[in-house]
Amino acid sequence: MTAKLAEVRRLLDRYLIEVVEEFGLCPWARTARTGGELAVDVLWGQPSLLDWVESAQALLDRPQTRVAMVIAPELDAAPRKLRDIRNTVATALDGVGIADFHPDAGMDAATPARLVPALRRSPDPLLQLVPLKLLDSVRATKTVIDREDVIKIIAGKMAPPRGDIGDIIASDNHARVVGDTDNFVARIGAIAEDRRQSYARAGIMINTGR
């Protein structure tokens, strides 16, 4: 592993451990990272759309991959442009859920949905790819309610179970971050500053998060 690549991976790990895992933002983040199921590739300079697609496909083709991340540390693109890249990659790959992460994403905590871009404020622009069969297995998890709980719900003594797992995760993430916003913002800021300093030393061009 080159020195440049090591810096990119180090910062990604900081984000995953100190933000995603610490705030419990993703149900499979820790197990994928520690279990060797996170596949990562780094694209330098300004990758073509074909570069993004081929990199993603190669990572997903690995038998152990549960989560794939394609990172472009030097990418010169605003969040909207990265979303366009995501959309193009999504049309080229079947059976995969793709999310875009960008260091310049805005912070809007008004609703769970509007907070999502801020939660994806990774050190570098990246696309995260998760096989839909994994997402479906999480969504298929059902809450079992016994007879006593049904009685409590009817009596108004217990809240009814919530709906789609995606909505539940978004709602829980929103509650955790809103309840500890200063800590969240400080962690993101510290990682961004680490990136500025370490990339300057390593000779990695920064075109985002400046």
N, C-alpha and C. Protein backbone atom coordinates (compact mmCIF):
# COMPACT_ATOMS: atom_id res chain seq x y z
N MET A 1 0.84 -1.19 0.00
CA MET A 1 0.00 0.00 0.00
C MET A 1 0.88 1.25 0.00
N THR A 2 0.63 2.17 -0.93
CA THR A 2 1.41 3.39 -1.00
C THR A 2 1.05 4.33 0.15
N ALA A 3 1.91 5.34 0.36
CA ALA A 3 1.66 6.30 1.43
C ALA A 3 0.37 7.08 1.18
N LYS A 4 0.11 7.43 -0.07
CA LYS A 4 -1.11 8.16 -0.39
C LYS A 4 -2.35 7.32 -0.11
N LEU A 5 -2.31 6.08 -0.56
CA LEU A 5 -3.44 5.19 -0.34
C LEU A 5 -3.67 4.96 1.15
N ALA A 6 -2.58 4.84 1.90
CA ALA A 6 -2.69 4.62 3.34
C ALA A 6 -3.39 5.79 4.02
N GLU A 7 -3.12 7.01 3.57
CA GLU A 7 -3.77 8.18 4.16
C GLU A 7 -5.27 8.19 3.86
N VAL A 8 -5.63 7.84 2.64
CA VAL A 8 -7.05 7.79 2.28
C VAL A 8 -7.78 6.75 3.13
N ARG A 9 -7.19 5.58 3.29
CA ARG A 9 -7.82 4.53 4.08
C ARG A 9 -7.87 4.90 5.56
N ARG A 10 -6.84 5.56 6.05
CA ARG A 10 -6.82 5.97 7.46
C ARG A 10 -7.96 6.93 7.75
N LEU A 11 -8.16 7.90 6.86
CA LEU A 11 -9.23 8.87 7.06
C LEU A 11 -10.60 8.23 6.91
N LEU A 12 -10.73 7.29 5.98
CA LEU A 12 -12.00 6.57 5.86
C LEU A 12 -12.31 5.83 7.15
N ASP A 13 -11.30 5.17 7.71
CA ASP A 13 -11.51 4.44 8.97
C ASP A 13 -11.90 5.39 10.10
N ARG A 14 -11.29 6.56 10.13
CA ARG A 14 -11.67 7.55 11.16
C ARG A 14 -13.15 7.88 11.04
N TYR A 15 -13.59 8.13 9.83
CA TYR A 15 -15.00 8.47 9.61
C TYR A 15 -15.91 7.31 10.00
N LEU A 16 -15.55 6.10 9.58
CA LEU A 16 -16.39 4.95 9.87
C LEU A 16 -16.48 4.69 11.37
N ILE A 17 -15.35 4.76 12.05
CA ILE A 17 -15.31 4.43 13.48
C ILE A 17 -15.85 5.57 14.34
N GLU A 18 -15.37 6.79 14.08
CA GLU A 18 -15.69 7.91 14.96
C GLU A 18 -17.05 8.55 14.67
N VAL A 19 -17.57 8.33 13.48
CA VAL A 19 -18.86 8.94 13.13
C VAL A 19 -19.93 7.86 12.90
N VAL A 20 -19.74 7.05 11.87
CA VAL A 20 -20.77 6.07 11.50
C VAL A 20 -21.04 5.08 12.63
N GLU A 21 -19.97 4.48 13.14
CA GLU A 21 -20.15 3.47 14.18
C GLU A 21 -20.47 4.10 15.53
N GLU A 22 -19.82 5.19 15.87
CA GLU A 22 -20.05 5.82 17.17
C GLU A 22 -21.49 6.30 17.31
N PHE A 23 -22.05 6.82 16.23
CA PHE A 23 -23.43 7.30 16.27
C PHE A 23 -24.44 6.23 15.82
N GLY A 24 -23.95 5.03 15.50
CA GLY A 24 -24.83 3.94 15.11
C GLY A 24 -25.63 4.23 13.85
N LEU A 25 -24.99 4.83 12.85
CA LEU A 25 -25.71 5.28 11.66
C LEU A 25 -26.05 4.18 10.67
N CYS A 26 -25.33 3.07 10.72
CA CYS A 26 -25.54 2.00 9.75
C CYS A 26 -25.52 0.65 10.47
N PRO A 27 -26.54 -0.19 10.28
CA PRO A 27 -26.63 -1.44 11.04
C PRO A 27 -25.55 -2.47 10.73
N TRP A 28 -24.91 -2.36 9.57
CA TRP A 28 -23.89 -3.36 9.22
C TRP A 28 -22.49 -2.77 9.09
N ALA A 29 -22.29 -1.53 9.46
CA ALA A 29 -20.99 -0.87 9.24
C ALA A 29 -19.87 -1.56 10.02
N ARG A 30 -20.06 -1.76 11.32
CA ARG A 30 -18.98 -2.33 12.14
C ARG A 30 -18.66 -3.76 11.73
N THR A 31 -19.68 -4.59 11.55
CA THR A 31 -19.42 -5.98 11.21
C THR A 31 -18.76 -6.12 9.84
N ALA A 32 -19.14 -5.27 8.89
CA ALA A 32 -18.52 -5.31 7.57
C ALA A 32 -17.05 -4.91 7.65
N ARG A 33 -16.78 -3.87 8.43
CA ARG A 33 -15.39 -3.39 8.54
C ARG A 33 -14.51 -4.39 9.26
N THR A 34 -14.97 -4.89 10.39
CA THR A 34 -14.14 -5.79 11.20
C THR A 34 -14.12 -7.22 10.67
N GLY A 35 -15.12 -7.57 9.87
CA GLY A 35 -15.20 -8.93 9.37
C GLY A 35 -14.60 -9.13 7.99
N GLY A 36 -13.91 -8.11 7.47
CA GLY A 36 -13.30 -8.24 6.16
C GLY A 36 -14.30 -8.23 5.02
N GLU A 37 -15.50 -7.66 5.27
CA GLU A 37 -16.54 -7.64 4.26
C GLU A 37 -16.71 -6.28 3.60
N LEU A 38 -15.85 -5.33 3.97
CA LEU A 38 -15.84 -4.00 3.36
C LEU A 38 -14.76 -3.96 2.29
N ALA A 39 -15.17 -3.76 1.05
CA ALA A 39 -14.23 -3.69 -0.07
C ALA A 39 -14.08 -2.24 -0.50
N VAL A 40 -12.83 -1.79 -0.65
CA VAL A 40 -12.55 -0.38 -0.95
C VAL A 40 -11.61 -0.27 -2.14
N ASP A 41 -11.92 0.68 -3.01
CA ASP A 41 -11.01 1.02 -4.11
C ASP A 41 -10.88 2.53 -4.17
N VAL A 42 -9.72 3.00 -4.58
CA VAL A 42 -9.45 4.43 -4.68
C VAL A 42 -9.14 4.78 -6.13
N LEU A 43 -9.85 5.78 -6.64
CA LEU A 43 -9.63 6.28 -7.99
C LEU A 43 -8.98 7.65 -7.90
N TRP A 44 -7.84 7.83 -8.54
CA TRP A 44 -7.11 9.09 -8.46
C TRP A 44 -7.50 10.02 -9.60
N GLY A 45 -7.23 11.30 -9.40
CA GLY A 45 -7.52 12.28 -10.43
C GLY A 45 -9.01 12.45 -10.65
N GLN A 46 -9.40 12.57 -11.93
CA GLN A 46 -10.80 12.76 -12.30
C GLN A 46 -11.28 11.51 -13.05
N PRO A 47 -11.83 10.54 -12.34
CA PRO A 47 -12.21 9.28 -12.97
C PRO A 47 -13.32 9.47 -14.01
N SER A 48 -13.26 8.66 -15.04
CA SER A 48 -14.35 8.64 -16.01
C SER A 48 -15.52 7.85 -15.43
N LEU A 49 -16.68 7.96 -16.06
CA LEU A 49 -17.82 7.18 -15.61
C LEU A 49 -17.54 5.69 -15.71
N LEU A 50 -16.81 5.30 -16.75
CA LEU A 50 -16.45 3.89 -16.90
C LEU A 50 -15.55 3.44 -15.76
N ASP A 51 -14.64 4.31 -15.32
CA ASP A 51 -13.77 3.99 -14.18
C ASP A 51 -14.61 3.66 -12.94
N TRP A 52 -15.62 4.51 -12.68
CA TRP A 52 -16.49 4.29 -11.52
C TRP A 52 -17.20 2.94 -11.63
N VAL A 53 -17.76 2.67 -12.79
CA VAL A 53 -18.53 1.43 -12.98
C VAL A 53 -17.63 0.21 -12.84
N GLU A 54 -16.49 0.23 -13.50
CA GLU A 54 -15.60 -0.94 -13.47
C GLU A 54 -15.05 -1.17 -12.07
N SER A 55 -14.72 -0.11 -11.36
CA SER A 55 -14.22 -0.25 -9.99
C SER A 55 -15.29 -0.86 -9.10
N ALA A 56 -16.51 -0.32 -9.20
CA ALA A 56 -17.61 -0.83 -8.38
C ALA A 56 -17.89 -2.30 -8.67
N GLN A 57 -17.93 -2.65 -9.94
CA GLN A 57 -18.23 -4.03 -10.32
C GLN A 57 -17.16 -4.98 -9.80
N ALA A 58 -15.90 -4.57 -9.90
CA ALA A 58 -14.80 -5.42 -9.42
C ALA A 58 -14.91 -5.68 -7.92
N LEU A 59 -15.29 -4.66 -7.16
CA LEU A 59 -15.45 -4.84 -5.71
C LEU A 59 -16.62 -5.75 -5.40
N LEU A 60 -17.72 -5.55 -6.10
CA LEU A 60 -18.92 -6.36 -5.85
C LEU A 60 -18.72 -7.81 -6.27
N ASP A 61 -17.81 -8.07 -7.20
CA ASP A 61 -17.56 -9.43 -7.66
C ASP A 61 -16.79 -10.26 -6.63
N ARG A 62 -16.22 -9.61 -5.63
CA ARG A 62 -15.51 -10.35 -4.60
C ARG A 62 -16.54 -11.09 -3.74
N PRO A 63 -16.35 -12.39 -3.51
CA PRO A 63 -17.36 -13.19 -2.80
C PRO A 63 -17.69 -12.68 -1.40
N GLN A 64 -16.72 -12.08 -0.72
CA GLN A 64 -16.94 -11.68 0.68
C GLN A 64 -17.54 -10.29 0.83
N THR A 65 -17.72 -9.56 -0.26
CA THR A 65 -18.16 -8.17 -0.17
C THR A 65 -19.61 -8.05 0.28
N ARG A 66 -19.82 -7.30 1.36
CA ARG A 66 -21.17 -6.90 1.78
C ARG A 66 -21.37 -5.41 1.53
N VAL A 67 -20.28 -4.65 1.69
CA VAL A 67 -20.32 -3.21 1.44
C VAL A 67 -19.10 -2.85 0.60
N ALA A 68 -19.31 -2.11 -0.48
CA ALA A 68 -18.21 -1.65 -1.33
C ALA A 68 -18.17 -0.13 -1.33
N MET A 69 -16.97 0.42 -1.32
CA MET A 69 -16.81 1.87 -1.37
C MET A 69 -15.77 2.23 -2.42
N VAL A 70 -16.17 3.08 -3.35
CA VAL A 70 -15.26 3.60 -4.37
C VAL A 70 -15.00 5.06 -4.04
N ILE A 71 -13.75 5.38 -3.74
CA ILE A 71 -13.37 6.71 -3.25
C ILE A 71 -12.59 7.46 -4.32
N ALA A 72 -12.90 8.74 -4.48
CA ALA A 72 -12.17 9.60 -5.42
C ALA A 72 -11.66 10.82 -4.66
N PRO A 73 -10.50 10.72 -4.00
CA PRO A 73 -10.01 11.79 -3.12
C PRO A 73 -9.77 13.11 -3.82
N GLU A 74 -9.37 13.06 -5.09
CA GLU A 74 -9.02 14.28 -5.82
C GLU A 74 -10.14 14.78 -6.72
N LEU A 75 -11.29 14.17 -6.64
CA LEU A 75 -12.40 14.53 -7.51
C LEU A 75 -12.77 16.00 -7.37
N ASP A 76 -12.94 16.66 -8.49
CA ASP A 76 -13.36 18.07 -8.50
C ASP A 76 -14.83 18.09 -8.91
N ALA A 77 -15.70 17.91 -7.93
CA ALA A 77 -17.14 17.84 -8.22
C ALA A 77 -17.93 18.22 -6.98
N ALA A 78 -18.94 19.04 -7.16
CA ALA A 78 -19.84 19.41 -6.08
C ALA A 78 -20.76 18.23 -5.76
N PRO A 79 -21.47 18.28 -4.63
CA PRO A 79 -22.38 17.18 -4.28
C PRO A 79 -23.37 16.80 -5.38
N ARG A 80 -23.93 17.80 -6.06
CA ARG A 80 -24.89 17.50 -7.13
C ARG A 80 -24.25 16.70 -8.26
N LYS A 81 -23.01 17.04 -8.61
CA LYS A 81 -22.32 16.31 -9.67
C LYS A 81 -22.06 14.87 -9.25
N LEU A 82 -21.70 14.67 -7.98
CA LEU A 82 -21.48 13.31 -7.51
C LEU A 82 -22.78 12.50 -7.55
N ARG A 83 -23.90 13.15 -7.26
CA ARG A 83 -25.19 12.46 -7.37
C ARG A 83 -25.46 12.04 -8.81
N ASP A 84 -25.07 12.89 -9.76
CA ASP A 84 -25.22 12.53 -11.17
C ASP A 84 -24.38 11.30 -11.51
N ILE A 85 -23.16 11.26 -10.97
CA ILE A 85 -22.29 10.10 -11.17
C ILE A 85 -22.95 8.86 -10.58
N ARG A 86 -23.48 9.00 -9.36
CA ARG A 86 -24.17 7.88 -8.72
C ARG A 86 -25.31 7.36 -9.59
N ASN A 87 -26.09 8.27 -10.13
CA ASN A 87 -27.24 7.86 -10.95
C ASN A 87 -26.80 7.10 -12.19
N THR A 88 -25.70 7.55 -12.79
CA THR A 88 -25.19 6.87 -13.98
C THR A 88 -24.68 5.48 -13.64
N VAL A 89 -23.94 5.38 -12.54
CA VAL A 89 -23.43 4.08 -12.10
C VAL A 89 -24.59 3.14 -11.78
N ALA A 90 -25.64 3.68 -11.17
CA ALA A 90 -26.80 2.86 -10.80
C ALA A 90 -27.48 2.25 -12.02
N THR A 91 -27.49 2.98 -13.12
CA THR A 91 -28.12 2.44 -14.33
C THR A 91 -27.28 1.33 -14.96
N ALA A 92 -25.99 1.31 -14.62
CA ALA A 92 -25.09 0.32 -15.22
C ALA A 92 -24.97 -0.95 -14.39
N LEU A 93 -25.39 -0.90 -13.13
CA LEU A 93 -25.24 -2.04 -12.24
C LEU A 93 -26.60 -2.50 -11.74
N ASP A 94 -26.85 -3.79 -11.84
CA ASP A 94 -28.13 -4.34 -11.38
C ASP A 94 -28.00 -4.89 -9.96
N GLY A 95 -29.08 -4.83 -9.21
CA GLY A 95 -29.13 -5.46 -7.90
C GLY A 95 -28.28 -4.82 -6.84
N VAL A 96 -28.05 -3.51 -6.97
CA VAL A 96 -27.18 -2.81 -6.02
C VAL A 96 -27.82 -1.50 -5.58
N GLY A 97 -27.77 -1.23 -4.29
CA GLY A 97 -28.17 0.07 -3.77
C GLY A 97 -26.95 0.96 -3.67
N ILE A 98 -27.01 2.18 -4.18
CA ILE A 98 -25.85 3.07 -4.22
C ILE A 98 -26.17 4.38 -3.52
N ALA A 99 -25.26 4.80 -2.65
CA ALA A 99 -25.39 6.07 -1.94
C ALA A 99 -24.15 6.91 -2.19
N ASP A 100 -24.34 8.22 -2.36
CA ASP A 100 -23.21 9.13 -2.56
C ASP A 100 -22.88 9.85 -1.26
N PHE A 101 -21.58 9.95 -0.97
CA PHE A 101 -21.07 10.63 0.22
C PHE A 101 -20.15 11.75 -0.24
N HIS A 102 -20.28 12.94 0.36
CA HIS A 102 -19.50 14.08 -0.09
C HIS A 102 -19.13 14.98 1.09
N PRO A 103 -17.86 15.43 1.16
CA PRO A 103 -17.43 16.27 2.29
C PRO A 103 -18.06 17.65 2.32
N ASP A 104 -18.66 18.09 1.22
CA ASP A 104 -19.28 19.42 1.18
C ASP A 104 -20.80 19.38 1.34
N ALA A 105 -21.33 18.24 1.76
CA ALA A 105 -22.78 18.14 1.96
C ALA A 105 -23.22 19.11 3.05
N GLY A 106 -24.40 19.68 2.87
CA GLY A 106 -24.92 20.65 3.83
C GLY A 106 -25.47 19.99 5.08
N MET A 107 -25.66 20.80 6.12
CA MET A 107 -26.21 20.32 7.39
C MET A 107 -27.61 20.90 7.55
N ASP A 108 -28.61 20.03 7.47
CA ASP A 108 -30.01 20.45 7.65
C ASP A 108 -30.70 19.37 8.48
N ALA A 109 -30.95 19.66 9.74
CA ALA A 109 -31.51 18.67 10.66
C ALA A 109 -33.01 18.82 10.85
N ALA A 110 -33.68 19.50 9.92
CA ALA A 110 -35.12 19.75 10.09
C ALA A 110 -35.93 18.46 10.13
N THR A 111 -35.55 17.49 9.32
CA THR A 111 -36.25 16.20 9.28
C THR A 111 -35.22 15.09 9.11
N PRO A 112 -35.58 13.84 9.41
CA PRO A 112 -34.64 12.74 9.18
C PRO A 112 -34.12 12.67 7.75
N ALA A 113 -35.00 12.87 6.77
CA ALA A 113 -34.58 12.78 5.37
C ALA A 113 -33.61 13.89 5.00
N ARG A 114 -33.86 15.09 5.50
CA ARG A 114 -32.99 16.22 5.15
C ARG A 114 -31.65 16.16 5.86
N LEU A 115 -31.55 15.36 6.90
CA LEU A 115 -30.28 15.22 7.61
C LEU A 115 -29.34 14.24 6.92
N VAL A 116 -29.86 13.36 6.09
CA VAL A 116 -29.06 12.30 5.49
C VAL A 116 -27.78 12.79 4.81
N PRO A 117 -27.80 13.84 3.98
CA PRO A 117 -26.54 14.29 3.36
C PRO A 117 -25.46 14.63 4.38
N ALA A 118 -25.83 15.24 5.50
CA ALA A 118 -24.84 15.59 6.52
C ALA A 118 -24.24 14.34 7.16
N LEU A 119 -25.05 13.30 7.33
CA LEU A 119 -24.54 12.05 7.89
C LEU A 119 -23.54 11.40 6.95
N ARG A 120 -23.63 11.73 5.67
CA ARG A 120 -22.74 11.16 4.66
C ARG A 120 -21.62 12.14 4.30
N ARG A 121 -21.25 12.98 5.24
CA ARG A 121 -20.17 13.93 4.99
C ARG A 121 -18.83 13.24 5.26
N SER A 122 -18.45 12.37 4.35
CA SER A 122 -17.22 11.59 4.47
C SER A 122 -16.01 12.47 4.17
N PRO A 123 -14.81 12.01 4.52
CA PRO A 123 -13.61 12.81 4.24
C PRO A 123 -13.43 13.09 2.75
N ASP A 124 -13.71 12.10 1.92
CA ASP A 124 -13.55 12.22 0.47
C ASP A 124 -14.86 11.88 -0.24
N PRO A 125 -15.04 12.38 -1.47
CA PRO A 125 -16.19 11.95 -2.26
C PRO A 125 -16.12 10.43 -2.49
N LEU A 126 -17.24 9.76 -2.31
CA LEU A 126 -17.25 8.32 -2.52
C LEU A 126 -18.65 7.83 -2.84
N LEU A 127 -18.69 6.66 -3.45
CA LEU A 127 -19.94 5.94 -3.65
C LEU A 127 -19.91 4.68 -2.81
N GLN A 128 -20.99 4.45 -2.08
CA GLN A 128 -21.12 3.22 -1.30
C GLN A 128 -22.13 2.32 -2.00
N LEU A 129 -21.76 1.08 -2.16
CA LEU A 129 -22.62 0.12 -2.86
C LEU A 129 -22.92 -1.06 -1.95
N VAL A 130 -24.19 -1.39 -1.85
CA VAL A 130 -24.62 -2.51 -1.02
C VAL A 130 -25.55 -3.39 -1.86
N PRO A 131 -25.27 -4.70 -1.95
CA PRO A 131 -26.17 -5.58 -2.70
C PRO A 131 -27.60 -5.48 -2.16
N LEU A 132 -28.56 -5.40 -3.07
CA LEU A 132 -29.95 -5.24 -2.65
C LEU A 132 -30.44 -6.42 -1.82
N LYS A 133 -29.85 -7.59 -2.02
CA LYS A 133 -30.27 -8.75 -1.23
C LYS A 133 -29.95 -8.54 0.25
N LEU A 134 -28.88 -7.80 0.54
CA LEU A 134 -28.56 -7.48 1.93
C LEU A 134 -29.56 -6.48 2.47
N LEU A 135 -29.86 -5.45 1.69
CA LEU A 135 -30.86 -4.46 2.12
C LEU A 135 -32.22 -5.12 2.32
N ASP A 136 -32.57 -6.03 1.43
CA ASP A 136 -33.86 -6.71 1.55
C ASP A 136 -33.92 -7.58 2.79
N SER A 137 -32.78 -8.20 3.14
CA SER A 137 -32.77 -9.06 4.33
C SER A 137 -32.97 -8.24 5.59
N VAL A 138 -32.45 -7.00 5.60
CA VAL A 138 -32.66 -6.13 6.75
C VAL A 138 -34.11 -5.67 6.80
N ARG A 139 -34.64 -5.29 5.64
CA ARG A 139 -36.03 -4.81 5.59
C ARG A 139 -37.03 -5.92 5.92
N ALA A 140 -36.63 -7.17 5.68
CA ALA A 140 -37.54 -8.29 5.92
C ALA A 140 -37.69 -8.63 7.39
N THR A 141 -36.81 -8.07 8.22
CA THR A 141 -36.90 -8.34 9.66
C THR A 141 -38.20 -7.78 10.20
N LYS A 142 -38.99 -8.65 10.82
CA LYS A 142 -40.29 -8.23 11.31
C LYS A 142 -40.32 -8.23 12.82
N THR A 143 -41.09 -7.31 13.38
CA THR A 143 -41.25 -7.23 14.82
C THR A 143 -42.36 -8.16 15.26
N VAL A 144 -42.05 -9.05 16.20
CA VAL A 144 -43.04 -9.97 16.72
C VAL A 144 -43.66 -9.36 17.97
N ILE A 145 -44.99 -9.27 17.98
CA ILE A 145 -45.69 -8.66 19.11
C ILE A 145 -46.50 -9.74 19.82
N ASP A 146 -46.24 -9.93 21.10
CA ASP A 146 -47.01 -10.94 21.82
C ASP A 146 -48.35 -10.37 22.30
N ARG A 147 -49.19 -11.24 22.87
CA ARG A 147 -50.55 -10.86 23.23
C ARG A 147 -50.57 -9.74 24.26
N GLU A 148 -49.66 -9.81 25.25
CA GLU A 148 -49.65 -8.78 26.29
C GLU A 148 -49.32 -7.40 25.72
N ASP A 149 -48.40 -7.38 24.73
CA ASP A 149 -48.05 -6.10 24.12
C ASP A 149 -49.21 -5.54 23.31
N VAL A 150 -49.96 -6.42 22.64
CA VAL A 150 -51.13 -5.96 21.89
C VAL A 150 -52.12 -5.28 22.82
N ILE A 151 -52.35 -5.89 23.98
CA ILE A 151 -53.27 -5.31 24.96
C ILE A 151 -52.78 -3.94 25.41
N LYS A 152 -51.46 -3.82 25.65
CA LYS A 152 -50.89 -2.54 26.09
C LYS A 152 -51.04 -1.47 25.01
N ILE A 153 -50.84 -1.87 23.74
CA ILE A 153 -50.98 -0.92 22.64
C ILE A 153 -52.41 -0.41 22.54
N ILE A 154 -53.37 -1.35 22.63
CA ILE A 154 -54.78 -0.97 22.55
C ILE A 154 -55.15 -0.04 23.70
N ALA A 155 -54.58 -0.31 24.88
CA ALA A 155 -54.88 0.51 26.06
C ALA A 155 -54.12 1.83 26.07
N GLY A 156 -53.26 2.03 25.08
CA GLY A 156 -52.49 3.27 25.03
C GLY A 156 -51.32 3.31 25.99
N LYS A 157 -50.92 2.14 26.49
CA LYS A 157 -49.82 2.07 27.45
C LYS A 157 -48.49 1.70 26.78
N MET A 158 -48.52 1.48 25.50
CA MET A 158 -47.31 1.10 24.77
C MET A 158 -47.42 1.61 23.35
N ALA A 159 -46.30 2.13 22.82
CA ALA A 159 -46.31 2.64 21.45
C ALA A 159 -46.34 1.47 20.47
N PRO A 160 -47.07 1.60 19.36
CA PRO A 160 -47.09 0.53 18.36
C PRO A 160 -45.75 0.43 17.66
N PRO A 161 -45.43 -0.72 17.08
CA PRO A 161 -44.16 -0.87 16.37
C PRO A 161 -44.10 0.06 15.17
N ARG A 162 -42.88 0.48 14.84
CA ARG A 162 -42.71 1.38 13.71
C ARG A 162 -42.62 0.59 12.41
N GLY A 163 -42.65 1.31 11.28
CA GLY A 163 -42.77 0.68 9.97
C GLY A 163 -41.48 0.26 9.33
N ASP A 164 -41.25 0.71 8.09
CA ASP A 164 -40.12 0.30 7.28
C ASP A 164 -38.81 0.52 8.00
N ILE A 165 -37.90 -0.47 7.89
CA ILE A 165 -36.62 -0.39 8.61
C ILE A 165 -35.80 0.82 8.16
N GLY A 166 -35.92 1.20 6.88
CA GLY A 166 -35.20 2.38 6.42
C GLY A 166 -35.66 3.64 7.12
N ASP A 167 -36.97 3.75 7.31
CA ASP A 167 -37.52 4.90 8.02
C ASP A 167 -37.11 4.88 9.48
N ILE A 168 -37.08 3.68 10.06
CA ILE A 168 -36.68 3.55 11.47
C ILE A 168 -35.23 3.99 11.65
N ILE A 169 -34.35 3.53 10.76
CA ILE A 169 -32.93 3.90 10.85
C ILE A 169 -32.77 5.41 10.71
N ALA A 170 -33.45 6.00 9.72
CA ALA A 170 -33.35 7.45 9.51
C ALA A 170 -33.85 8.22 10.73
N SER A 171 -34.95 7.76 11.30
CA SER A 171 -35.51 8.43 12.48
C SER A 171 -34.57 8.32 13.67
N ASP A 172 -34.02 7.12 13.88
CA ASP A 172 -33.10 6.93 15.00
C ASP A 172 -31.82 7.74 14.81
N ASN A 173 -31.30 7.77 13.59
CA ASN A 173 -30.10 8.57 13.31
C ASN A 173 -30.36 10.04 13.59
N HIS A 174 -31.50 10.51 13.16
CA HIS A 174 -31.87 11.92 13.38
C HIS A 174 -31.91 12.23 14.87
N ALA A 175 -32.53 11.35 15.65
CA ALA A 175 -32.64 11.58 17.09
C ALA A 175 -31.27 11.61 17.75
N ARG A 176 -30.39 10.69 17.37
CA ARG A 176 -29.06 10.64 17.99
C ARG A 176 -28.24 11.88 17.65
N VAL A 177 -28.24 12.27 16.39
CA VAL A 177 -27.40 13.40 15.97
C VAL A 177 -27.96 14.72 16.49
N VAL A 178 -29.27 14.90 16.42
CA VAL A 178 -29.86 16.13 16.94
C VAL A 178 -29.61 16.25 18.44
N GLY A 179 -29.59 15.11 19.12
CA GLY A 179 -29.35 15.14 20.56
C GLY A 179 -27.90 15.36 20.92
N ASP A 180 -27.00 15.29 19.96
CA ASP A 180 -25.57 15.46 20.23
C ASP A 180 -24.91 16.17 19.05
N THR A 181 -25.55 17.24 18.58
CA THR A 181 -25.11 17.91 17.35
C THR A 181 -23.70 18.46 17.46
N ASP A 182 -23.37 19.11 18.57
CA ASP A 182 -22.05 19.70 18.71
C ASP A 182 -20.96 18.65 18.59
N ASN A 183 -21.16 17.50 19.20
CA ASN A 183 -20.19 16.41 19.12
C ASN A 183 -20.07 15.90 17.70
N PHE A 184 -21.20 15.74 17.03
CA PHE A 184 -21.19 15.26 15.64
C PHE A 184 -20.42 16.22 14.74
N VAL A 185 -20.75 17.50 14.82
CA VAL A 185 -20.10 18.51 13.98
C VAL A 185 -18.61 18.59 14.29
N ALA A 186 -18.25 18.48 15.57
CA ALA A 186 -16.83 18.54 15.95
C ALA A 186 -16.06 17.36 15.37
N ARG A 187 -16.64 16.18 15.39
CA ARG A 187 -15.96 15.01 14.84
C ARG A 187 -15.75 15.15 13.33
N ILE A 188 -16.78 15.58 12.62
CA ILE A 188 -16.66 15.80 11.18
C ILE A 188 -15.59 16.85 10.89
N GLY A 189 -15.60 17.93 11.67
CA GLY A 189 -14.63 19.00 11.47
C GLY A 189 -13.21 18.56 11.73
N ALA A 190 -13.01 17.74 12.77
CA ALA A 190 -11.67 17.26 13.09
C ALA A 190 -11.12 16.36 11.99
N ILE A 191 -11.97 15.53 11.44
CA ILE A 191 -11.53 14.65 10.35
C ILE A 191 -11.21 15.47 9.10
N ALA A 192 -12.01 16.50 8.83
CA ALA A 192 -11.76 17.36 7.67
C ALA A 192 -10.43 18.09 7.81
N GLU A 193 -10.12 18.57 9.01
CA GLU A 193 -8.85 19.26 9.23
C GLU A 193 -7.69 18.28 9.11
N ASP A 194 -7.85 17.08 9.62
CA ASP A 194 -6.85 16.03 9.48
C ASP A 194 -6.59 15.78 7.99
N ARG A 195 -7.64 15.74 7.21
CA ARG A 195 -7.50 15.53 5.77
C ARG A 195 -6.69 16.64 5.12
N ARG A 196 -7.01 17.88 5.45
CA ARG A 196 -6.29 19.00 4.84
C ARG A 196 -4.80 18.92 5.13
N GLN A 197 -4.45 18.63 6.35
CA GLN A 197 -3.05 18.60 6.74
C GLN A 197 -2.32 17.38 6.18
N SER A 198 -2.93 16.22 6.32
CA SER A 198 -2.26 14.99 5.89
C SER A 198 -2.15 14.89 4.37
N TYR A 199 -3.17 15.38 3.65
CA TYR A 199 -3.10 15.34 2.20
C TYR A 199 -2.06 16.32 1.67
N ALA A 200 -1.90 17.44 2.34
CA ALA A 200 -0.86 18.39 1.94
C ALA A 200 0.52 17.75 2.07
N ARG A 201 0.71 17.01 3.14
CA ARG A 201 2.00 16.33 3.33
C ARG A 201 2.20 15.20 2.32
N ALA A 202 1.13 14.50 2.00
CA ALA A 202 1.23 13.35 1.11
C ALA A 202 1.22 13.73 -0.37
N GLY A 203 0.86 14.98 -0.67
CA GLY A 203 0.81 15.41 -2.06
C GLY A 203 -0.46 15.01 -2.78
N ILE A 204 -1.54 14.87 -2.03
CA ILE A 204 -2.84 14.53 -2.62
C ILE A 204 -3.60 15.83 -2.88
N MET A 205 -4.04 16.03 -4.10
CA MET A 205 -4.77 17.23 -4.47
C MET A 205 -6.15 17.24 -3.83
N ILE A 206 -6.51 18.37 -3.21
CA ILE A 206 -7.83 18.52 -2.59
C ILE A 206 -8.66 19.49 -3.42
N ASN A 207 -9.78 19.01 -3.93
CA ASN A 207 -10.69 19.85 -4.71
C ASN A 207 -12.07 19.97 -4.06
N THR A 208 -12.25 19.30 -2.92
CA THR A 208 -13.51 19.35 -2.17
C THR A 208 -13.18 19.53 -0.69
N GLY A 209 -14.16 20.01 0.07
CA GLY A 209 -13.95 20.15 1.50
C GLY A 209 -12.90 21.16 1.87
N ARG A 210 -12.71 22.18 1.03
CA ARG A 210 -11.65 23.17 1.28
C ARG A 210 -12.15 24.28 2.20
